[in-house]
Amino acid sequence: MKRTFVGLLLLFLTSNLFAQLPAMPEYDFRLGLTAHPTIGWMKTEPGKSRGVSLGFSYGLLADFNFAENYAFATGLTITTINGKSTEINVPPYYDGSNTQTAYDLKYKLQYIEIPLTVKLKTGKMGDIKWYGQFGLSNDFNISAKQSAEAIGKAAIDDKNISKQINFYRAGLIVGAGGEIDVADHTSVTLGVTLNNGFTNIADDNNRKVRNHYLGLNVGVFF
């Protein structure tokens, strides 16, 4: 009887102690889907860009909220980065002669993209929670095709150039946008992301080719 009384007393005191402690904040994990267009372009040395090309990105989004207004944002997407350029003596078309040949090229590159970013969020302003995003893009090439055209040479369409493209691409991500709650556990996110590639995508020591894109982000978190 005495042991029972002591046990009940300790249980009561322990429960009372935890009840008086401040509540720990709950930070959650959120998973979502995205599908949105991309606007891509090339930067080549030597050579020049010939404007922008449309692409597409789709896949998963994930936010790990580690504080009230801060999240680690990542995901897994299939991202197409297209672009056009003019370059001199480009492999695999260049035959090794001393003649300087300019090629008008169109790149069609597809990557598995895994972003590693930090997302900074505001409190709700009306129905919208605004955010800024900054981090690193890790991209792994899964398809590389190219169309080429030069004066005096036959045009080439959709040639496989996987051997001429580096497997890994890194980029700097800067973005901004907003989230709108549409249900208890569902929100729509809209924003813009600049993915600025800073590694050479060409497997060729004689030139530097970097690709960049602007993503018009649309996603749904559940």
C-alpha atoms as a PDB file:
ATOM      1  CA  MET A   1       0.000   0.000   0.000  1.00  0.00           C
ATOM      2  CA  LYS A   2       2.846   2.351   0.905  1.00  0.00           C
ATOM      3  CA  ARG A   3       4.665   1.604  -2.363  1.00  0.00           C
ATOM      4  CA  THR A   4       1.475   2.227  -4.320  1.00  0.00           C
ATOM      5  CA  PHE A   5       0.979   5.579  -2.601  1.00  0.00           C
ATOM      6  CA  VAL A   6       4.610   6.624  -3.306  1.00  0.00           C
ATOM      7  CA  GLY A   7       4.274   5.559  -6.947  1.00  0.00           C
ATOM      8  CA  LEU A   8       1.081   7.558  -7.433  1.00  0.00           C
ATOM      9  CA  LEU A   9       2.686  10.567  -5.762  1.00  0.00           C
ATOM     10  CA  LEU A  10       5.733  10.424  -8.072  1.00  0.00           C
ATOM     11  CA  LEU A  11       3.480  10.018 -11.122  1.00  0.00           C
ATOM     12  CA  PHE A  12       1.449  13.049 -10.064  1.00  0.00           C
ATOM     13  CA  LEU A  13       4.568  15.187  -9.457  1.00  0.00           C
ATOM     14  CA  THR A  14       6.137  14.137 -12.794  1.00  0.00           C
ATOM     15  CA  SER A  15       2.953  14.874 -14.739  1.00  0.00           C
ATOM     16  CA  ASN A  16       2.633  18.229 -13.004  1.00  0.00           C
ATOM     17  CA  LEU A  17       6.258  19.093 -13.854  1.00  0.00           C
ATOM     18  CA  PHE A  18       5.878  18.339 -17.573  1.00  0.00           C
ATOM     19  CA  ALA A  19       2.598  20.237 -17.672  1.00  0.00           C
ATOM     20  CA  GLN A  20       4.408  23.343 -16.463  1.00  0.00           C
ATOM     21  CA  LEU A  21       7.228  23.118 -19.052  1.00  0.00           C
ATOM     22  CA  PRO A  22       6.866  25.361 -22.156  1.00  0.00           C
ATOM     23  CA  ALA A  23       5.427  23.533 -25.138  1.00  0.00           C
ATOM     24  CA  MET A  24       8.014  22.478 -27.707  1.00  0.00           C
ATOM     25  CA  PRO A  25       7.344  23.852 -31.187  1.00  0.00           C
ATOM     26  CA  GLU A  26       6.417  21.327 -33.831  1.00  0.00           C
ATOM     27  CA  TYR A  27       8.204  21.658 -37.147  1.00  0.00           C
ATOM     28  CA  ASP A  28       7.020  19.457 -39.941  1.00  0.00           C
ATOM     29  CA  PHE A  29       8.106  17.792 -43.150  1.00  0.00           C
ATOM     30  CA  ARG A  30       6.173  18.660 -46.294  1.00  0.00           C
ATOM     31  CA  LEU A  31       6.129  16.819 -49.601  1.00  0.00           C
ATOM     32  CA  GLY A  32       4.809  18.200 -52.874  1.00  0.00           C
ATOM     33  CA  LEU A  33       4.650  17.937 -56.643  1.00  0.00           C
ATOM     34  CA  THR A  34       5.835  20.390 -59.269  1.00  0.00           C
ATOM     35  CA  ALA A  35       5.509  20.802 -63.026  1.00  0.00           C
ATOM     36  CA  HIS A  36       6.612  24.011 -64.684  1.00  0.00           C
ATOM     37  CA  PRO A  37       8.325  25.493 -67.760  1.00  0.00           C
ATOM     38  CA  THR A  38      11.957  26.557 -67.913  1.00  0.00           C
ATOM     39  CA  ILE A  39      13.594  29.238 -70.063  1.00  0.00           C
ATOM     40  CA  GLY A  40      17.166  28.181 -70.857  1.00  0.00           C
ATOM     41  CA  TRP A  41      20.203  29.764 -72.487  1.00  0.00           C
ATOM     42  CA  MET A  42      23.871  29.005 -73.101  1.00  0.00           C
ATOM     43  CA  LYS A  43      27.074  30.881 -72.329  1.00  0.00           C
ATOM     44  CA  THR A  44      30.101  29.735 -74.326  1.00  0.00           C
ATOM     45  CA  GLU A  45      33.794  30.674 -74.464  1.00  0.00           C
ATOM     46  CA  PRO A  46      34.659  31.070 -77.287  1.00  0.00           C
ATOM     47  CA  GLY A  47      31.322  31.577 -78.965  1.00  0.00           C
ATOM     48  CA  LYS A  48      28.071  33.377 -78.278  1.00  0.00           C
ATOM     49  CA  SER A  49      24.514  32.737 -77.179  1.00  0.00           C
ATOM     50  CA  ARG A  50      21.715  32.774 -79.752  1.00  0.00           C
ATOM     51  CA  GLY A  51      18.811  33.473 -77.430  1.00  0.00           C
ATOM     52  CA  VAL A  52      16.588  31.393 -75.174  1.00  0.00           C
ATOM     53  CA  SER A  53      14.782  28.066 -75.546  1.00  0.00           C
ATOM     54  CA  LEU A  54      11.874  26.568 -73.641  1.00  0.00           C
ATOM     55  CA  GLY A  55      12.161  23.441 -71.526  1.00  0.00           C
ATOM     56  CA  PHE A  56      10.257  21.727 -68.751  1.00  0.00           C
ATOM     57  CA  SER A  57      10.742  20.442 -65.203  1.00  0.00           C
ATOM     58  CA  TYR A  58       8.629  18.030 -63.140  1.00  0.00           C
ATOM     59  CA  GLY A  59       8.979  15.914 -60.027  1.00  0.00           C
ATOM     60  CA  LEU A  60       8.940  16.052 -56.213  1.00  0.00           C
ATOM     61  CA  LEU A  61       9.460  18.918 -53.771  1.00  0.00           C
ATOM     62  CA  ALA A  62      10.322  18.578 -50.092  1.00  0.00           C
ATOM     63  CA  ASP A  63      10.534  21.126 -47.260  1.00  0.00           C
ATOM     64  CA  PHE A  64      12.065  20.251 -43.876  1.00  0.00           C
ATOM     65  CA  ASN A  65      10.933  23.039 -41.565  1.00  0.00           C
ATOM     66  CA  PHE A  66      13.575  23.316 -38.818  1.00  0.00           C
ATOM     67  CA  ALA A  67      12.330  26.634 -37.353  1.00  0.00           C
ATOM     68  CA  GLU A  68       9.188  28.712 -37.562  1.00  0.00           C
ATOM     69  CA  ASN A  69      10.251  30.673 -40.658  1.00  0.00           C
ATOM     70  CA  TYR A  70      13.124  28.570 -41.970  1.00  0.00           C
ATOM     71  CA  ALA A  71      13.207  25.389 -44.033  1.00  0.00           C
ATOM     72  CA  PHE A  72      15.705  23.151 -45.779  1.00  0.00           C
ATOM     73  CA  ALA A  73      14.236  22.750 -49.264  1.00  0.00           C
ATOM     74  CA  THR A  74      15.173  19.956 -51.647  1.00  0.00           C
ATOM     75  CA  GLY A  75      13.498  17.692 -54.172  1.00  0.00           C
ATOM     76  CA  LEU A  76      13.967  15.333 -57.097  1.00  0.00           C
ATOM     77  CA  THR A  77      13.022  16.576 -60.548  1.00  0.00           C
ATOM     78  CA  ILE A  78      13.588  15.756 -64.197  1.00  0.00           C
ATOM     79  CA  THR A  79      14.682  19.077 -65.684  1.00  0.00           C
ATOM     80  CA  THR A  80      15.237  19.952 -69.336  1.00  0.00           C
ATOM     81  CA  ILE A  81      17.668  22.787 -70.061  1.00  0.00           C
ATOM     82  CA  ASN A  82      17.626  23.797 -73.722  1.00  0.00           C
ATOM     83  CA  GLY A  83      19.662  26.547 -75.337  1.00  0.00           C
ATOM     84  CA  LYS A  84      21.180  27.835 -78.582  1.00  0.00           C
ATOM     85  CA  SER A  85      24.701  29.005 -79.380  1.00  0.00           C
ATOM     86  CA  THR A  86      27.242  29.629 -82.126  1.00  0.00           C
ATOM     87  CA  GLU A  87      30.608  27.916 -81.584  1.00  0.00           C
ATOM     88  CA  ILE A  88      33.797  27.310 -83.577  1.00  0.00           C
ATOM     89  CA  ASN A  89      35.157  23.854 -84.486  1.00  0.00           C
ATOM     90  CA  VAL A  90      32.867  21.916 -82.174  1.00  0.00           C
ATOM     91  CA  PRO A  91      33.348  18.169 -81.591  1.00  0.00           C
ATOM     92  CA  PRO A  92      32.072  15.749 -82.770  1.00  0.00           C
ATOM     93  CA  TYR A  93      31.508  17.719 -86.015  1.00  0.00           C
ATOM     94  CA  TYR A  94      35.004  19.218 -86.338  1.00  0.00           C
ATOM     95  CA  ASP A  95      37.210  17.145 -88.667  1.00  0.00           C
ATOM     96  CA  GLY A  96      40.568  18.358 -87.316  1.00  0.00           C
ATOM     97  CA  SER A  97      41.451  20.585 -90.273  1.00  0.00           C
ATOM     98  CA  ASN A  98      42.886  24.102 -89.929  1.00  0.00           C
ATOM     99  CA  THR A  99      39.679  25.613 -91.308  1.00  0.00           C
ATOM    100  CA  GLN A 100      37.645  27.663 -88.814  1.00  0.00           C
ATOM    101  CA  THR A 101      34.028  26.525 -89.010  1.00  0.00           C
ATOM    102  CA  ALA A 102      31.202  28.198 -87.108  1.00  0.00           C
ATOM    103  CA  TYR A 103      28.306  25.955 -86.075  1.00  0.00           C
ATOM    104  CA  ASP A 104      24.847  27.071 -85.032  1.00  0.00           C
ATOM    105  CA  LEU A 105      23.943  24.661 -82.260  1.00  0.00           C
ATOM    106  CA  LYS A 106      20.821  23.801 -80.325  1.00  0.00           C
ATOM    107  CA  TYR A 107      21.356  21.922 -77.060  1.00  0.00           C
ATOM    108  CA  LYS A 108      18.648  19.616 -75.669  1.00  0.00           C
ATOM    109  CA  LEU A 109      19.844  18.461 -72.252  1.00  0.00           C
ATOM    110  CA  GLN A 110      17.944  16.578 -69.573  1.00  0.00           C
ATOM    111  CA  TYR A 111      19.047  16.189 -65.953  1.00  0.00           C
ATOM    112  CA  ILE A 112      18.028  14.590 -62.688  1.00  0.00           C
ATOM    113  CA  GLU A 113      18.136  17.630 -60.421  1.00  0.00           C
ATOM    114  CA  ILE A 114      18.568  17.536 -56.627  1.00  0.00           C
ATOM    115  CA  PRO A 115      18.568  21.054 -55.142  1.00  0.00           C
ATOM    116  CA  LEU A 116      20.020  21.732 -51.692  1.00  0.00           C
ATOM    117  CA  THR A 117      18.673  25.095 -50.556  1.00  0.00           C
ATOM    118  CA  VAL A 118      17.567  27.138 -47.573  1.00  0.00           C
ATOM    119  CA  LYS A 119      14.123  28.738 -47.738  1.00  0.00           C
ATOM    120  CA  LEU A 120      13.392  31.832 -45.632  1.00  0.00           C
ATOM    121  CA  LYS A 121       9.692  32.457 -45.053  1.00  0.00           C
ATOM    122  CA  THR A 122       7.676  35.391 -43.767  1.00  0.00           C
ATOM    123  CA  GLY A 123       4.635  35.152 -41.545  1.00  0.00           C
ATOM    124  CA  LYS A 124       1.292  35.172 -43.292  1.00  0.00           C
ATOM    125  CA  MET A 125       0.433  38.445 -45.020  1.00  0.00           C
ATOM    126  CA  GLY A 126      -3.228  38.052 -45.745  1.00  0.00           C
ATOM    127  CA  ASP A 127      -3.522  34.630 -47.357  1.00  0.00           C
ATOM    128  CA  ILE A 128       0.075  34.512 -48.642  1.00  0.00           C
ATOM    129  CA  LYS A 129       3.316  33.482 -46.992  1.00  0.00           C
ATOM    130  CA  TRP A 130       6.286  34.882 -48.979  1.00  0.00           C
ATOM    131  CA  TYR A 131       9.672  33.185 -49.247  1.00  0.00           C
ATOM    132  CA  GLY A 132      13.199  33.647 -50.555  1.00  0.00           C
ATOM    133  CA  GLN A 133      15.395  30.710 -51.526  1.00  0.00           C
ATOM    134  CA  PHE A 134      19.163  30.248 -51.935  1.00  0.00           C
ATOM    135  CA  GLY A 135      21.400  27.231 -52.431  1.00  0.00           C
ATOM    136  CA  LEU A 136      23.098  24.725 -54.723  1.00  0.00           C
ATOM    137  CA  SER A 137      21.752  22.744 -57.663  1.00  0.00           C
ATOM    138  CA  ASN A 138      23.168  19.237 -58.207  1.00  0.00           C
ATOM    139  CA  ASP A 139      22.346  17.916 -61.677  1.00  0.00           C
ATOM    140  CA  PHE A 140      23.137  14.551 -63.294  1.00  0.00           C
ATOM    141  CA  ASN A 141      22.833  14.285 -67.060  1.00  0.00           C
ATOM    142  CA  ILE A 142      20.542  11.538 -68.379  1.00  0.00           C
ATOM    143  CA  SER A 143      20.078  12.725 -71.980  1.00  0.00           C
ATOM    144  CA  ALA A 144      22.055  14.975 -74.310  1.00  0.00           C
ATOM    145  CA  LYS A 145      21.063  15.741 -77.886  1.00  0.00           C
ATOM    146  CA  GLN A 146      22.122  18.458 -80.263  1.00  0.00           C
ATOM    147  CA  SER A 147      21.182  19.885 -83.643  1.00  0.00           C
ATOM    148  CA  ALA A 148      23.975  21.509 -85.670  1.00  0.00           C
ATOM    149  CA  GLU A 149      24.120  23.556 -88.843  1.00  0.00           C
ATOM    150  CA  ALA A 150      27.047  25.196 -90.639  1.00  0.00           C
ATOM    151  CA  ILE A 151      27.497  26.846 -94.036  1.00  0.00           C
ATOM    152  CA  GLY A 152      28.574  24.267 -96.607  1.00  0.00           C
ATOM    153  CA  LYS A 153      27.834  21.296 -94.357  1.00  0.00           C
ATOM    154  CA  ALA A 154      24.809  19.047 -94.009  1.00  0.00           C
ATOM    155  CA  ALA A 155      22.501  19.891 -91.120  1.00  0.00           C
ATOM    156  CA  ILE A 156      22.412  17.396 -88.240  1.00  0.00           C
ATOM    157  CA  ASP A 157      19.299  16.892 -86.101  1.00  0.00           C
ATOM    158  CA  ASP A 158      19.090  15.419 -82.592  1.00  0.00           C
ATOM    159  CA  LYS A 159      22.544  13.860 -82.504  1.00  0.00           C
ATOM    160  CA  ASN A 160      23.396  12.024 -79.297  1.00  0.00           C
ATOM    161  CA  ILE A 161      26.252  13.980 -77.679  1.00  0.00           C
ATOM    162  CA  SER A 162      26.319  12.265 -74.263  1.00  0.00           C
ATOM    163  CA  LYS A 163      30.072  11.593 -74.655  1.00  0.00           C
ATOM    164  CA  GLN A 164      30.698  15.312 -75.177  1.00  0.00           C
ATOM    165  CA  ILE A 165      28.690  16.410 -72.085  1.00  0.00           C
ATOM    166  CA  ASN A 166      29.916  16.108 -68.503  1.00  0.00           C
ATOM    167  CA  PHE A 167      27.770  13.897 -66.284  1.00  0.00           C
ATOM    168  CA  TYR A 168      27.675  16.329 -63.328  1.00  0.00           C
ATOM    169  CA  ARG A 169      26.525  19.937 -63.429  1.00  0.00           C
ATOM    170  CA  ALA A 170      26.401  22.371 -60.498  1.00  0.00           C
ATOM    171  CA  GLY A 171      24.480  25.611 -60.333  1.00  0.00           C
ATOM    172  CA  LEU A 172      23.621  28.432 -57.969  1.00  0.00           C
ATOM    173  CA  ILE A 173      19.918  28.718 -57.101  1.00  0.00           C
ATOM    174  CA  VAL A 174      18.285  32.042 -56.237  1.00  0.00           C
ATOM    175  CA  GLY A 175      14.500  32.205 -56.027  1.00  0.00           C
ATOM    176  CA  ALA A 176      11.480  33.923 -54.562  1.00  0.00           C
ATOM    177  CA  GLY A 177       7.745  33.354 -54.434  1.00  0.00           C
ATOM    178  CA  GLY A 178       4.730  32.758 -52.266  1.00  0.00           C
ATOM    179  CA  GLU A 179       2.577  29.989 -50.785  1.00  0.00           C
ATOM    180  CA  ILE A 180      -1.204  30.111 -50.585  1.00  0.00           C
ATOM    181  CA  ASP A 181      -3.171  27.725 -48.367  1.00  0.00           C
ATOM    182  CA  VAL A 182      -6.062  26.129 -50.225  1.00  0.00           C
ATOM    183  CA  ALA A 183      -7.024  23.503 -47.606  1.00  0.00           C
ATOM    184  CA  ASP A 184      -6.048  22.370 -44.106  1.00  0.00           C
ATOM    185  CA  HIS A 185      -2.885  20.571 -45.217  1.00  0.00           C
ATOM    186  CA  THR A 186      -2.566  21.720 -48.826  1.00  0.00           C
ATOM    187  CA  SER A 187      -0.925  24.811 -50.269  1.00  0.00           C
ATOM    188  CA  VAL A 188      -0.022  26.060 -53.736  1.00  0.00           C
ATOM    189  CA  THR A 189       3.380  27.613 -54.319  1.00  0.00           C
ATOM    190  CA  LEU A 190       4.165  30.053 -57.136  1.00  0.00           C
ATOM    191  CA  GLY A 191       7.542  31.620 -57.777  1.00  0.00           C
ATOM    192  CA  VAL A 192      10.559  32.264 -59.973  1.00  0.00           C
ATOM    193  CA  THR A 193      13.943  30.538 -59.707  1.00  0.00           C
ATOM    194  CA  LEU A 194      17.223  31.423 -61.401  1.00  0.00           C
ATOM    195  CA  ASN A 195      19.513  28.417 -61.812  1.00  0.00           C
ATOM    196  CA  ASN A 196      22.929  29.787 -62.768  1.00  0.00           C
ATOM    197  CA  GLY A 197      25.243  26.979 -63.894  1.00  0.00           C
ATOM    198  CA  PHE A 198      28.882  27.487 -62.935  1.00  0.00           C
ATOM    199  CA  THR A 199      30.546  24.244 -64.073  1.00  0.00           C
ATOM    200  CA  ASN A 200      31.670  23.473 -67.598  1.00  0.00           C
ATOM    201  CA  ILE A 201      29.177  21.073 -69.163  1.00  0.00           C
ATOM    202  CA  ALA A 202      31.433  20.351 -72.177  1.00  0.00           C
ATOM    203  CA  ASP A 203      33.838  17.426 -71.888  1.00  0.00           C
ATOM    204  CA  ASP A 204      36.382  19.422 -73.866  1.00  0.00           C
ATOM    205  CA  ASN A 205      39.357  21.351 -72.476  1.00  0.00           C
ATOM    206  CA  ASN A 206      39.411  23.726 -75.458  1.00  0.00           C
ATOM    207  CA  ARG A 207      36.117  25.472 -74.636  1.00  0.00           C
ATOM    208  CA  LYS A 208      33.806  26.339 -71.774  1.00  0.00           C
ATOM    209  CA  VAL A 209      30.057  25.891 -72.032  1.00  0.00           C
ATOM    210  CA  ARG A 210      27.689  26.766 -69.211  1.00  0.00           C
ATOM    211  CA  ASN A 211      23.913  26.541 -69.261  1.00  0.00           C
ATOM    212  CA  HIS A 212      21.434  28.497 -67.191  1.00  0.00           C
ATOM    213  CA  TYR A 213      17.679  28.601 -66.821  1.00  0.00           C
ATOM    214  CA  LEU A 214      14.848  30.567 -65.318  1.00  0.00           C
ATOM    215  CA  GLY A 215      12.137  28.388 -63.790  1.00  0.00           C
ATOM    216  CA  LEU A 216       8.548  29.630 -63.524  1.00  0.00           C
ATOM    217  CA  ASN A 217       7.741  27.505 -60.493  1.00  0.00           C
ATOM    218  CA  VAL A 218       4.332  25.995 -59.837  1.00  0.00           C
ATOM    219  CA  GLY A 219       3.900  23.379 -57.116  1.00  0.00           C
ATOM    220  CA  VAL A 220       1.464  21.844 -54.637  1.00  0.00           C
ATOM    221  CA  PHE A 221       2.441  20.839 -51.085  1.00  0.00           C
ATOM    222  CA  PHE A 222       0.376  18.246 -49.196  1.00  0.00           C
END
